[in-house]
Every structure is written in structure tokens, then in C-alpha cells.
Amino acid sequence: MVQKEHMSRKRVGNRQLKDIGAERITRLMDLSVQALREGRPDRSTRYVELSRRISAKTKVRMPRDRPFCKGCMMPLVPGLSCTVRLSDHRVVTTCSSCGRIRRVPYIKEQRK
């Protein structure tokens, strides 16, 4: 009986893993917005779901500059997939596909 040699896997460091995760998350979020603009909402939600999975697995935060609806995982692009209104010191973003409302205060901006 011939014994096979096992090739050892190269261990990826924690820092490197997080860098790779962050890079893939930003790429997927860019692709999701692009797919939404091309009229492929199913594909764009899939990209957001994948990026959230990577975020959870690598413990990397989702980028704040690319918002998405937490109800239907649709990337929020004003005028395309959501409406944005200002009311009572808040930015109110309403998702066009599921109707979920997101309210973010803007008190710091008003103080300046």
C-alpha cells in the first residue's frame, strides 16, 4: 500500500483574512448597485446577501457608505430603489420594494 503525501495548507492570518473579507464586501456591494442599475434586482439582493455572509464570517463591518434595506436586502439608491425625505431632524429613507422605513437623525449637522 502506497501512502499519499498530504500537502499542507497555507495558514491565512487573521489580519489578512479581514483584509480579504473587506475587499470582497466592497466589491460585492459595488456589483449590487451596478446590477440594480441594469435592472437586475434579484442579482443585486443576492450580492448583498453574500456580502453580509462574508461580513459575519470574517467579523468585518458592512460599509456605511453603501446602505441596504434590512428587510429585503436591496441596495438603497436614492431615486432608484428608495425615496429620501427630511423631516423632524431626521433623514427618512423608504425602500421602494418592501416599504421598510429607515430613520437616521442629523442633529450634528444642524449644530454646525
PDB file of N, CA and C in Angstrom:
ATOM      1  N   MET A   1       0.839  -1.176   0.000  1.00  0.00           N
ATOM      2  CA  MET A   1       0.000   0.000   0.000  1.00  0.00           C
ATOM      3  C   MET A   1       0.887   1.243   0.000  1.00  0.00           C
ATOM      4  N   VAL A   2       0.661   2.119  -0.971  1.00  0.00           N
ATOM      5  CA  VAL A   2       1.452   3.344  -1.094  1.00  0.00           C
ATOM      6  C   VAL A   2       0.754   4.459  -0.323  1.00  0.00           C
ATOM      7  N   GLN A   3       1.525   5.128   0.503  1.00  0.00           N
ATOM      8  CA  GLN A   3       0.948   6.205   1.305  1.00  0.00           C
ATOM      9  C   GLN A   3       1.079   7.532   0.547  1.00  0.00           C
ATOM     10  N   LYS A   4      -0.026   8.269   0.467  1.00  0.00           N
ATOM     11  CA  LYS A   4      -0.004   9.552  -0.244  1.00  0.00           C
ATOM     12  C   LYS A   4       0.560  10.642   0.648  1.00  0.00           C
ATOM     13  N   GLU A   5       1.282  11.538   0.009  1.00  0.00           N
ATOM     14  CA  GLU A   5       1.774  12.695   0.754  1.00  0.00           C
ATOM     15  C   GLU A   5       0.689  13.766   0.757  1.00  0.00           C
ATOM     16  N   HIS A   6       0.411  14.303   1.914  1.00  0.00           N
ATOM     17  CA  HIS A   6      -0.583  15.366   2.027  1.00  0.00           C
ATOM     18  C   HIS A   6       0.112  16.706   1.986  1.00  0.00           C
ATOM     19  N   MET A   7      -0.381  17.549   1.096  1.00  0.00           N
ATOM     20  CA  MET A   7       0.182  18.902   1.040  1.00  0.00           C
ATOM     21  C   MET A   7      -0.472  19.720   2.147  1.00  0.00           C
ATOM     22  N   SER A   8       0.337  20.390   2.902  1.00  0.00           N
ATOM     23  CA  SER A   8      -0.224  21.198   3.984  1.00  0.00           C
ATOM     24  C   SER A   8      -0.775  22.497   3.422  1.00  0.00           C
ATOM     25  N   ARG A   9      -1.887  22.907   3.993  1.00  0.00           N
ATOM     26  CA  ARG A   9      -2.494  24.161   3.575  1.00  0.00           C
ATOM     27  C   ARG A   9      -1.761  25.322   4.212  1.00  0.00           C
ATOM     28  N   LYS A  10      -1.663  26.397   3.461  1.00  0.00           N
ATOM     29  CA  LYS A  10      -1.029  27.592   3.994  1.00  0.00           C
ATOM     30  C   LYS A  10      -2.010  28.307   4.914  1.00  0.00           C
ATOM     31  N   ARG A  11      -1.611  28.604   6.111  1.00  0.00           N
ATOM     32  CA  ARG A  11      -2.470  29.269   7.093  1.00  0.00           C
ATOM     33  C   ARG A  11      -2.556  30.749   6.759  1.00  0.00           C
ATOM     34  N   VAL A  12      -3.787  31.250   6.659  1.00  0.00           N
ATOM     35  CA  VAL A  12      -4.022  32.665   6.393  1.00  0.00           C
ATOM     36  C   VAL A  12      -4.197  33.364   7.733  1.00  0.00           C
ATOM     37  N   GLY A  13      -3.447  34.432   7.947  1.00  0.00           N
ATOM     38  CA  GLY A  13      -3.519  35.166   9.203  1.00  0.00           C
ATOM     39  C   GLY A  13      -4.835  35.893   9.375  1.00  0.00           C
ATOM     40  N   ASN A  14      -5.161  36.238  10.613  1.00  0.00           N
ATOM     41  CA  ASN A  14      -6.418  36.912  10.933  1.00  0.00           C
ATOM     42  C   ASN A  14      -6.530  38.267  10.238  1.00  0.00           C
ATOM     43  N   ARG A  15      -5.467  39.030  10.278  1.00  0.00           N
ATOM     44  CA  ARG A  15      -5.465  40.359   9.657  1.00  0.00           C
ATOM     45  C   ARG A  15      -5.667  40.253   8.154  1.00  0.00           C
ATOM     46  N   GLN A  16      -4.979  39.295   7.549  1.00  0.00           N
ATOM     47  CA  GLN A  16      -5.087  39.090   6.104  1.00  0.00           C
ATOM     48  C   GLN A  16      -6.500  38.628   5.732  1.00  0.00           C
ATOM     49  N   LEU A  17      -7.094  37.795   6.580  1.00  0.00           N
ATOM     50  CA  LEU A  17      -8.449  37.310   6.363  1.00  0.00           C
ATOM     51  C   LEU A  17      -9.441  38.472   6.375  1.00  0.00           C
ATOM     52  N   LYS A  18      -9.279  39.388   7.324  1.00  0.00           N
ATOM     53  CA  LYS A  18     -10.166  40.553   7.413  1.00  0.00           C
ATOM     54  C   LYS A  18      -9.992  41.477   6.218  1.00  0.00           C
ATOM     55  N   ASP A  19      -8.751  41.638   5.761  1.00  0.00           N
ATOM     56  CA  ASP A  19      -8.496  42.476   4.583  1.00  0.00           C
ATOM     57  C   ASP A  19      -9.165  41.896   3.341  1.00  0.00           C
ATOM     58  N   ILE A  20      -9.026  40.586   3.166  1.00  0.00           N
ATOM     59  CA  ILE A  20      -9.651  39.921   2.024  1.00  0.00           C
ATOM     60  C   ILE A  20     -11.173  40.055   2.116  1.00  0.00           C
ATOM     61  N   GLY A  21     -11.718  39.858   3.321  1.00  0.00           N
ATOM     62  CA  GLY A  21     -13.163  39.982   3.526  1.00  0.00           C
ATOM     63  C   GLY A  21     -13.672  41.374   3.195  1.00  0.00           C
ATOM     64  N   ALA A  22     -12.972  42.396   3.684  1.00  0.00           N
ATOM     65  CA  ALA A  22     -13.379  43.789   3.428  1.00  0.00           C
ATOM     66  C   ALA A  22     -13.330  44.107   1.937  1.00  0.00           C
ATOM     67  N   GLU A  23     -12.309  43.608   1.273  1.00  0.00           N
ATOM     68  CA  GLU A  23     -12.149  43.843  -0.161  1.00  0.00           C
ATOM     69  C   GLU A  23     -13.302  43.203  -0.940  1.00  0.00           C
ATOM     70  N   ARG A  24     -13.650  41.977  -0.579  1.00  0.00           N
ATOM     71  CA  ARG A  24     -14.733  41.272  -1.268  1.00  0.00           C
ATOM     72  C   ARG A  24     -16.094  41.901  -0.978  1.00  0.00           C
ATOM     73  N   ILE A  25     -16.274  42.373   0.252  1.00  0.00           N
ATOM     74  CA  ILE A  25     -17.535  43.030   0.612  1.00  0.00           C
ATOM     75  C   ILE A  25     -17.737  44.290  -0.217  1.00  0.00           C
ATOM     76  N   THR A  26     -16.705  45.137  -0.315  1.00  0.00           N
ATOM     77  CA  THR A  26     -16.841  46.372  -1.099  1.00  0.00           C
ATOM     78  C   THR A  26     -17.076  46.053  -2.576  1.00  0.00           C
ATOM     79  N   ARG A  27     -16.417  45.032  -3.088  1.00  0.00           N
ATOM     80  CA  ARG A  27     -16.601  44.645  -4.496  1.00  0.00           C
ATOM     81  C   ARG A  27     -18.037  44.166  -4.732  1.00  0.00           C
ATOM     82  N   LEU A  28     -18.536  43.333  -3.824  1.00  0.00           N
ATOM     83  CA  LEU A  28     -19.906  42.823  -3.972  1.00  0.00           C
ATOM     84  C   LEU A  28     -20.941  43.936  -3.848  1.00  0.00           C
ATOM     85  N   MET A  29     -20.705  44.891  -2.956  1.00  0.00           N
ATOM     86  CA  MET A  29     -21.651  46.000  -2.811  1.00  0.00           C
ATOM     87  C   MET A  29     -21.649  46.881  -4.061  1.00  0.00           C
ATOM     88  N   ASP A  30     -20.474  47.080  -4.655  1.00  0.00           N
ATOM     89  CA  ASP A  30     -20.403  47.824  -5.915  1.00  0.00           C
ATOM     90  C   ASP A  30     -21.178  47.084  -7.010  1.00  0.00           C
ATOM     91  N   LEU A  31     -20.981  45.767  -7.068  1.00  0.00           N
ATOM     92  CA  LEU A  31     -21.676  44.960  -8.068  1.00  0.00           C
ATOM     93  C   LEU A  31     -23.191  44.974  -7.851  1.00  0.00           C
ATOM     94  N   SER A  32     -23.623  45.038  -6.586  1.00  0.00           N
ATOM     95  CA  SER A  32     -25.063  45.048  -6.313  1.00  0.00           C
ATOM     96  C   SER A  32     -25.715  46.324  -6.823  1.00  0.00           C
ATOM     97  N   VAL A  33     -25.046  47.456  -6.632  1.00  0.00           N
ATOM     98  CA  VAL A  33     -25.588  48.724  -7.138  1.00  0.00           C
ATOM     99  C   VAL A  33     -25.608  48.709  -8.663  1.00  0.00           C
ATOM    100  N   GLN A  34     -24.541  48.179  -9.256  1.00  0.00           N
ATOM    101  CA  GLN A  34     -24.455  48.092 -10.713  1.00  0.00           C
ATOM    102  C   GLN A  34     -25.562  47.198 -11.270  1.00  0.00           C
ATOM    103  N   ALA A  35     -25.811  46.067 -10.622  1.00  0.00           N
ATOM    104  CA  ALA A  35     -26.868  45.150 -11.070  1.00  0.00           C
ATOM    105  C   ALA A  35     -28.242  45.796 -10.941  1.00  0.00           C
ATOM    106  N   LEU A  36     -28.435  46.582  -9.890  1.00  0.00           N
ATOM    107  CA  LEU A  36     -29.709  47.271  -9.703  1.00  0.00           C
ATOM    108  C   LEU A  36     -29.931  48.297 -10.818  1.00  0.00           C
ATOM    109  N   ARG A  37     -28.880  49.002 -11.184  1.00  0.00           N
ATOM    110  CA  ARG A  37     -28.987  49.993 -12.273  1.00  0.00           C
ATOM    111  C   ARG A  37     -29.253  49.325 -13.624  1.00  0.00           C
ATOM    112  N   GLU A  38     -28.790  48.081 -13.774  1.00  0.00           N
ATOM    113  CA  GLU A  38     -29.017  47.341 -15.015  1.00  0.00           C
ATOM    114  C   GLU A  38     -30.388  46.681 -15.046  1.00  0.00           C
ATOM    115  N   GLY A  39     -31.156  46.799 -13.953  1.00  0.00           N
ATOM    116  CA  GLY A  39     -32.490  46.215 -13.908  1.00  0.00           C
ATOM    117  C   GLY A  39     -32.511  44.773 -13.450  1.00  0.00           C
ATOM    118  N   ARG A  40     -31.547  44.374 -12.630  1.00  0.00           N
ATOM    119  CA  ARG A  40     -31.474  43.007 -12.105  1.00  0.00           C
ATOM    120  C   ARG A  40     -31.587  43.021 -10.582  1.00  0.00           C
ATOM    121  N   PRO A  41     -32.776  43.316 -10.021  1.00  0.00           N
ATOM    122  CA  PRO A  41     -32.902  43.400  -8.558  1.00  0.00           C
ATOM    123  C   PRO A  41     -32.646  42.076  -7.847  1.00  0.00           C
ATOM    124  N   ASP A  42     -32.956  40.955  -8.508  1.00  0.00           N
ATOM    125  CA  ASP A  42     -32.707  39.647  -7.898  1.00  0.00           C
ATOM    126  C   ASP A  42     -31.216  39.417  -7.688  1.00  0.00           C
ATOM    127  N   ARG A  43     -30.439  39.786  -8.682  1.00  0.00           N
ATOM    128  CA  ARG A  43     -28.987  39.622  -8.586  1.00  0.00           C
ATOM    129  C   ARG A  43     -28.395  40.575  -7.549  1.00  0.00           C
ATOM    130  N   SER A  44     -28.914  41.796  -7.492  1.00  0.00           N
ATOM    131  CA  SER A  44     -28.369  42.777  -6.546  1.00  0.00           C
ATOM    132  C   SER A  44     -28.637  42.362  -5.100  1.00  0.00           C
ATOM    133  N   THR A  45     -29.816  41.794  -4.825  1.00  0.00           N
ATOM    134  CA  THR A  45     -30.087  41.312  -3.464  1.00  0.00           C
ATOM    135  C   THR A  45     -29.197  40.132  -3.117  1.00  0.00           C
ATOM    136  N   ARG A  46     -28.917  39.289  -4.092  1.00  0.00           N
ATOM    137  CA  ARG A  46     -28.023  38.144  -3.867  1.00  0.00           C
ATOM    138  C   ARG A  46     -26.621  38.629  -3.487  1.00  0.00           C
ATOM    139  N   TYR A  47     -26.127  39.658  -4.174  1.00  0.00           N
ATOM    140  CA  TYR A  47     -24.804  40.205  -3.856  1.00  0.00           C
ATOM    141  C   TYR A  47     -24.766  40.770  -2.441  1.00  0.00           C
ATOM    142  N   VAL A  48     -25.835  41.445  -2.026  1.00  0.00           N
ATOM    143  CA  VAL A  48     -25.891  41.997  -0.668  1.00  0.00           C
ATOM    144  C   VAL A  48     -25.908  40.861   0.355  1.00  0.00           C
ATOM    145  N   GLU A  49     -26.681  39.803   0.076  1.00  0.00           N
ATOM    146  CA  GLU A  49     -26.727  38.658   0.994  1.00  0.00           C
ATOM    147  C   GLU A  49     -25.350  38.010   1.131  1.00  0.00           C
ATOM    148  N   LEU A  50     -24.648  37.856   0.018  1.00  0.00           N
ATOM    149  CA  LEU A  50     -23.305  37.275   0.051  1.00  0.00           C
ATOM    150  C   LEU A  50     -22.342  38.142   0.850  1.00  0.00           C
ATOM    151  N   SER A  51     -22.429  39.460   0.641  1.00  0.00           N
ATOM    152  CA  SER A  51     -21.520  40.357   1.361  1.00  0.00           C
ATOM    153  C   SER A  51     -21.822  40.353   2.859  1.00  0.00           C
ATOM    154  N   ARG A  52     -23.101  40.210   3.240  1.00  0.00           N
ATOM    155  CA  ARG A  52     -23.442  40.114   4.661  1.00  0.00           C
ATOM    156  C   ARG A  52     -22.909  38.830   5.278  1.00  0.00           C
ATOM    157  N   ARG A  53     -22.955  37.745   4.521  1.00  0.00           N
ATOM    158  CA  ARG A  53     -22.402  36.485   4.999  1.00  0.00           C
ATOM    159  C   ARG A  53     -20.893  36.584   5.227  1.00  0.00           C
ATOM    160  N   ILE A  54     -20.212  37.194   4.264  1.00  0.00           N
ATOM    161  CA  ILE A  54     -18.762  37.374   4.395  1.00  0.00           C
ATOM    162  C   ILE A  54     -18.468  38.260   5.591  1.00  0.00           C
ATOM    163  N   SER A  55     -19.272  39.294   5.775  1.00  0.00           N
ATOM    164  CA  SER A  55     -19.100  40.209   6.897  1.00  0.00           C
ATOM    165  C   SER A  55     -19.224  39.481   8.225  1.00  0.00           C
ATOM    166  N   ALA A  56     -20.202  38.600   8.336  1.00  0.00           N
ATOM    167  CA  ALA A  56     -20.414  37.856   9.575  1.00  0.00           C
ATOM    168  C   ALA A  56     -19.283  36.862   9.826  1.00  0.00           C
ATOM    169  N   LYS A  57     -18.838  36.214   8.767  1.00  0.00           N
ATOM    170  CA  LYS A  57     -17.821  35.176   8.909  1.00  0.00           C
ATOM    171  C   LYS A  57     -16.443  35.750   9.239  1.00  0.00           C
ATOM    172  N   THR A  58     -16.111  36.887   8.628  1.00  0.00           N
ATOM    173  CA  THR A  58     -14.786  37.480   8.847  1.00  0.00           C
ATOM    174  C   THR A  58     -14.786  38.545   9.936  1.00  0.00           C
ATOM    175  N   LYS A  59     -15.970  38.825  10.512  1.00  0.00           N
ATOM    176  CA  LYS A  59     -16.132  39.848  11.554  1.00  0.00           C
ATOM    177  C   LYS A  59     -15.668  41.230  11.082  1.00  0.00           C
ATOM    178  N   VAL A  60     -16.059  41.566   9.862  1.00  0.00           N
ATOM    179  CA  VAL A  60     -15.771  42.871   9.264  1.00  0.00           C
ATOM    180  C   VAL A  60     -17.091  43.607   9.142  1.00  0.00           C
ATOM    181  N   ARG A  61     -17.122  44.871   9.504  1.00  0.00           N
ATOM    182  CA  ARG A  61     -18.358  45.653   9.408  1.00  0.00           C
ATOM    183  C   ARG A  61     -18.724  45.928   7.963  1.00  0.00           C
ATOM    184  N   MET A  62     -20.022  46.018   7.743  1.00  0.00           N
ATOM    185  CA  MET A  62     -20.508  46.391   6.417  1.00  0.00           C
ATOM    186  C   MET A  62     -20.205  47.873   6.206  1.00  0.00           C
ATOM    187  N   PRO A  63     -19.856  48.274   4.979  1.00  0.00           N
ATOM    188  CA  PRO A  63     -19.539  49.679   4.734  1.00  0.00           C
ATOM    189  C   PRO A  63     -20.764  50.570   4.906  1.00  0.00           C
ATOM    190  N   ARG A  64     -20.593  51.672   5.627  1.00  0.00           N
ATOM    191  CA  ARG A  64     -21.713  52.589   5.886  1.00  0.00           C
ATOM    192  C   ARG A  64     -22.072  53.433   4.662  1.00  0.00           C
ATOM    193  N   ASP A  65     -21.119  53.607   3.758  1.00  0.00           N
ATOM    194  CA  ASP A  65     -21.378  54.452   2.591  1.00  0.00           C
ATOM    195  C   ASP A  65     -22.216  53.742   1.522  1.00  0.00           C
ATOM    196  N   ARG A  66     -22.480  52.441   1.707  1.00  0.00           N
ATOM    197  CA  ARG A  66     -23.330  51.699   0.776  1.00  0.00           C
ATOM    198  C   ARG A  66     -24.495  51.078   1.549  1.00  0.00           C
ATOM    199  N   PRO A  67     -25.558  51.861   1.798  1.00  0.00           N
ATOM    200  CA  PRO A  67     -26.668  51.344   2.603  1.00  0.00           C
ATOM    201  C   PRO A  67     -27.502  50.316   1.835  1.00  0.00           C
ATOM    202  N   PHE A  68     -28.172  49.459   2.594  1.00  0.00           N
ATOM    203  CA  PHE A  68     -29.072  48.474   2.016  1.00  0.00           C
ATOM    204  C   PHE A  68     -30.259  48.315   2.946  1.00  0.00           C
ATOM    205  N   CYS A  69     -31.375  47.845   2.398  1.00  0.00           N
ATOM    206  CA  CYS A  69     -32.584  47.630   3.188  1.00  0.00           C
ATOM    207  C   CYS A  69     -32.425  46.355   3.996  1.00  0.00           C
ATOM    208  N   LYS A  70     -32.668  46.450   5.291  1.00  0.00           N
ATOM    209  CA  LYS A  70     -32.526  45.273   6.142  1.00  0.00           C
ATOM    210  C   LYS A  70     -33.733  44.345   6.025  1.00  0.00           C
ATOM    211  N   GLY A  71     -34.779  44.793   5.355  1.00  0.00           N
ATOM    212  CA  GLY A  71     -35.957  43.959   5.170  1.00  0.00           C
ATOM    213  C   GLY A  71     -35.839  43.043   3.969  1.00  0.00           C
ATOM    214  N   CYS A  72     -35.425  43.609   2.828  1.00  0.00           N
ATOM    215  CA  CYS A  72     -35.388  42.818   1.593  1.00  0.00           C
ATOM    216  C   CYS A  72     -33.984  42.720   0.983  1.00  0.00           C
ATOM    217  N   MET A  73     -32.972  43.257   1.660  1.00  0.00           N
ATOM    218  CA  MET A  73     -31.570  43.209   1.215  1.00  0.00           C
ATOM    219  C   MET A  73     -31.319  43.916  -0.119  1.00  0.00           C
ATOM    220  N   MET A  74     -32.143  44.890  -0.427  1.00  0.00           N
ATOM    221  CA  MET A  74     -31.977  45.656  -1.656  1.00  0.00           C
ATOM    222  C   MET A  74     -31.027  46.820  -1.381  1.00  0.00           C
ATOM    223  N   PRO A  75     -30.039  47.054  -2.246  1.00  0.00           N
ATOM    224  CA  PRO A  75     -29.189  48.236  -2.041  1.00  0.00           C
ATOM    225  C   PRO A  75     -30.028  49.506  -2.206  1.00  0.00           C
ATOM    226  N   LEU A  76     -29.838  50.463  -1.310  1.00  0.00           N
ATOM    227  CA  LEU A  76     -30.644  51.681  -1.335  1.00  0.00           C
ATOM    228  C   LEU A  76     -29.953  52.752  -2.175  1.00  0.00           C
ATOM    229  N   VAL A  77     -30.511  52.991  -3.358  1.00  0.00           N
ATOM    230  CA  VAL A  77     -30.012  54.019  -4.269  1.00  0.00           C
ATOM    231  C   VAL A  77     -31.134  55.037  -4.416  1.00  0.00           C
ATOM    232  N   PRO A  78     -30.932  56.284  -3.917  1.00  0.00           N
ATOM    233  CA  PRO A  78     -31.999  57.278  -3.969  1.00  0.00           C
ATOM    234  C   PRO A  78     -32.512  57.500  -5.396  1.00  0.00           C
ATOM    235  N   GLY A  79     -33.832  57.505  -5.539  1.00  0.00           N
ATOM    236  CA  GLY A  79     -34.455  57.705  -6.831  1.00  0.00           C
ATOM    237  C   GLY A  79     -34.632  56.432  -7.626  1.00  0.00           C
ATOM    238  N   LEU A  80     -33.914  55.389  -7.250  1.00  0.00           N
ATOM    239  CA  LEU A  80     -33.983  54.129  -7.982  1.00  0.00           C
ATOM    240  C   LEU A  80     -34.665  53.038  -7.154  1.00  0.00           C
ATOM    241  N   SER A  81     -34.211  52.862  -5.922  1.00  0.00           N
ATOM    242  CA  SER A  81     -34.792  51.822  -5.074  1.00  0.00           C
ATOM    243  C   SER A  81     -35.311  52.365  -3.749  1.00  0.00           C
ATOM    244  N   CYS A  82     -35.215  53.681  -3.548  1.00  0.00           N
ATOM    245  CA  CYS A  82     -35.729  54.263  -2.305  1.00  0.00           C
ATOM    246  C   CYS A  82     -36.042  55.743  -2.494  1.00  0.00           C
ATOM    247  N   THR A  83     -36.827  56.273  -1.556  1.00  0.00           N
ATOM    248  CA  THR A  83     -37.079  57.713  -1.519  1.00  0.00           C
ATOM    249  C   THR A  83     -36.471  58.253  -0.235  1.00  0.00           C
ATOM    250  N   VAL A  84     -35.925  59.459  -0.317  1.00  0.00           N
ATOM    251  CA  VAL A  84     -35.269  60.084   0.827  1.00  0.00           C
ATOM    252  C   VAL A  84     -35.970  61.403   1.120  1.00  0.00           C
ATOM    253  N   ARG A  85     -36.371  61.580   2.376  1.00  0.00           N
ATOM    254  CA  ARG A  85     -37.048  62.805   2.817  1.00  0.00           C
ATOM    255  C   ARG A  85     -36.401  63.299   4.095  1.00  0.00           C
ATOM    256  N   LEU A  86     -36.497  64.601   4.336  1.00  0.00           N
ATOM    257  CA  LEU A  86     -36.024  65.197   5.583  1.00  0.00           C
ATOM    258  C   LEU A  86     -37.242  65.609   6.387  1.00  0.00           C
ATOM    259  N   SER A  87     -37.328  65.134   7.632  1.00  0.00           N
ATOM    260  CA  SER A  87     -38.435  65.542   8.494  1.00  0.00           C
ATOM    261  C   SER A  87     -38.049  65.379   9.955  1.00  0.00           C
ATOM    262  N   ASP A  88     -38.376  66.398  10.757  1.00  0.00           N
ATOM    263  CA  ASP A  88     -38.119  66.378  12.207  1.00  0.00           C
ATOM    264  C   ASP A  88     -36.693  65.974  12.574  1.00  0.00           C
ATOM    265  N   HIS A  89     -35.720  66.660  12.018  1.00  0.00           N
ATOM    266  CA  HIS A  89     -34.305  66.418  12.323  1.00  0.00           C
ATOM    267  C   HIS A  89     -33.870  64.997  12.005  1.00  0.00           C
ATOM    268  N   ARG A  90     -34.520  64.385  11.025  1.00  0.00           N
ATOM    269  CA  ARG A  90     -34.183  63.025  10.627  1.00  0.00           C
ATOM    270  C   ARG A  90     -34.175  62.890   9.115  1.00  0.00           C
ATOM    271  N   VAL A  91     -33.333  61.981   8.637  1.00  0.00           N
ATOM    272  CA  VAL A  91     -33.352  61.586   7.236  1.00  0.00           C
ATOM    273  C   VAL A  91     -34.183  60.313   7.175  1.00  0.00           C
ATOM    274  N   VAL A  92     -35.312  60.371   6.479  1.00  0.00           N
ATOM    275  CA  VAL A  92     -36.213  59.226   6.394  1.00  0.00           C
ATOM    276  C   VAL A  92     -36.054  58.592   5.014  1.00  0.00           C
ATOM    277  N   THR A  93     -35.574  57.342   4.999  1.00  0.00           N
ATOM    278  CA  THR A  93     -35.367  56.613   3.762  1.00  0.00           C
ATOM    279  C   THR A  93     -36.386  55.478   3.703  1.00  0.00           C
ATOM    280  N   THR A  94     -37.178  55.449   2.632  1.00  0.00           N
ATOM    281  CA  THR A  94     -38.197  54.421   2.465  1.00  0.00           C
ATOM    282  C   THR A  94     -37.831  53.527   1.283  1.00  0.00           C
ATOM    283  N   CYS A  95     -37.768  52.232   1.535  1.00  0.00           N
ATOM    284  CA  CYS A  95     -37.442  51.259   0.491  1.00  0.00           C
ATOM    285  C   CYS A  95     -38.622  51.146  -0.473  1.00  0.00           C
ATOM    286  N   SER A  96     -38.348  51.158  -1.761  1.00  0.00           N
ATOM    287  CA  SER A  96     -39.409  51.082  -2.762  1.00  0.00           C
ATOM    288  C   SER A  96     -39.959  49.680  -2.936  1.00  0.00           C
ATOM    289  N   SER A  97     -39.151  48.666  -2.663  1.00  0.00           N
ATOM    290  CA  SER A  97     -39.623  47.299  -2.911  1.00  0.00           C
ATOM    291  C   SER A  97     -40.418  46.717  -1.747  1.00  0.00           C
ATOM    292  N   CYS A  98     -40.004  46.981  -0.485  1.00  0.00           N
ATOM    293  CA  CYS A  98     -40.738  46.378   0.638  1.00  0.00           C
ATOM    294  C   CYS A  98     -41.412  47.410   1.539  1.00  0.00           C
ATOM    295  N   GLY A  99     -41.084  48.690   1.381  1.00  0.00           N
ATOM    296  CA  GLY A  99     -41.729  49.739   2.156  1.00  0.00           C
ATOM    297  C   GLY A  99     -41.145  49.971   3.536  1.00  0.00           C
ATOM    298  N   ARG A 100     -40.042  49.311   3.860  1.00  0.00           N
ATOM    299  CA  ARG A 100     -39.419  49.485   5.168  1.00  0.00           C
ATOM    300  C   ARG A 100     -38.845  50.896   5.298  1.00  0.00           C
ATOM    301  N   ILE A 101     -39.012  51.496   6.476  1.00  0.00           N
ATOM    302  CA  ILE A 101     -38.578  52.873   6.710  1.00  0.00           C
ATOM    303  C   ILE A 101     -37.340  52.875   7.585  1.00  0.00           C
ATOM    304  N   ARG A 102     -36.363  53.688   7.193  1.00  0.00           N
ATOM    305  CA  ARG A 102     -35.121  53.822   7.953  1.00  0.00           C
ATOM    306  C   ARG A 102     -34.991  55.288   8.340  1.00  0.00           C
ATOM    307  N   ARG A 103     -34.859  55.558   9.645  1.00  0.00           N
ATOM    308  CA  ARG A 103     -34.755  56.937  10.125  1.00  0.00           C
ATOM    309  C   ARG A 103     -33.399  57.152  10.770  1.00  0.00           C
ATOM    310  N   VAL A 104     -32.682  58.172  10.305  1.00  0.00           N
ATOM    311  CA  VAL A 104     -31.358  58.488  10.838  1.00  0.00           C
ATOM    312  C   VAL A 104     -31.359  59.958  11.268  1.00  0.00           C
ATOM    313  N   PRO A 105     -31.034  60.254  12.534  1.00  0.00           N
ATOM    314  CA  PRO A 105     -31.020  61.657  12.979  1.00  0.00           C
ATOM    315  C   PRO A 105     -29.840  62.415  12.381  1.00  0.00           C
ATOM    316  N   TYR A 106     -30.035  63.724  12.175  1.00  0.00           N
ATOM    317  CA  TYR A 106     -28.923  64.547  11.685  1.00  0.00           C
ATOM    318  C   TYR A 106     -28.748  65.779  12.566  1.00  0.00           C
ATOM    319  N   ILE A 107     -28.647  65.573  13.869  1.00  0.00           N
ATOM    320  CA  ILE A 107     -28.504  66.656  14.833  1.00  0.00           C
ATOM    321  C   ILE A 107     -27.126  67.304  14.736  1.00  0.00           C
ATOM    322  N   LYS A 108     -26.082  66.491  14.559  1.00  0.00           N
ATOM    323  CA  LYS A 108     -24.707  67.024  14.492  1.00  0.00           C
ATOM    324  C   LYS A 108     -24.576  68.018  13.338  1.00  0.00           C
ATOM    325  N   GLU A 109     -25.177  67.697  12.199  1.00  0.00           N
ATOM    326  CA  GLU A 109     -25.094  68.582  11.026  1.00  0.00           C
ATOM    327  C   GLU A 109     -25.819  69.889  11.291  1.00  0.00           C
ATOM    328  N   GLN A 110     -26.901  69.862  12.079  1.00  0.00           N
ATOM    329  CA  GLN A 110     -27.653  71.078  12.337  1.00  0.00           C
ATOM    330  C   GLN A 110     -26.916  71.996  13.312  1.00  0.00           C
ATOM    331  N   ARG A 111     -26.111  71.446  14.210  1.00  0.00           N
ATOM    332  CA  ARG A 111     -25.371  72.262  15.168  1.00  0.00           C
ATOM    333  C   ARG A 111     -24.306  73.113  14.484  1.00  0.00           C
ATOM    334  N   LYS A 112     -23.766  72.613  13.395  1.00  0.00           N
ATOM    335  CA  LYS A 112     -22.694  73.327  12.676  1.00  0.00           C
ATOM    336  C   LYS A 112     -23.258  74.440  11.910  1.00  0.00           C
TER     337      LYS A 112
END
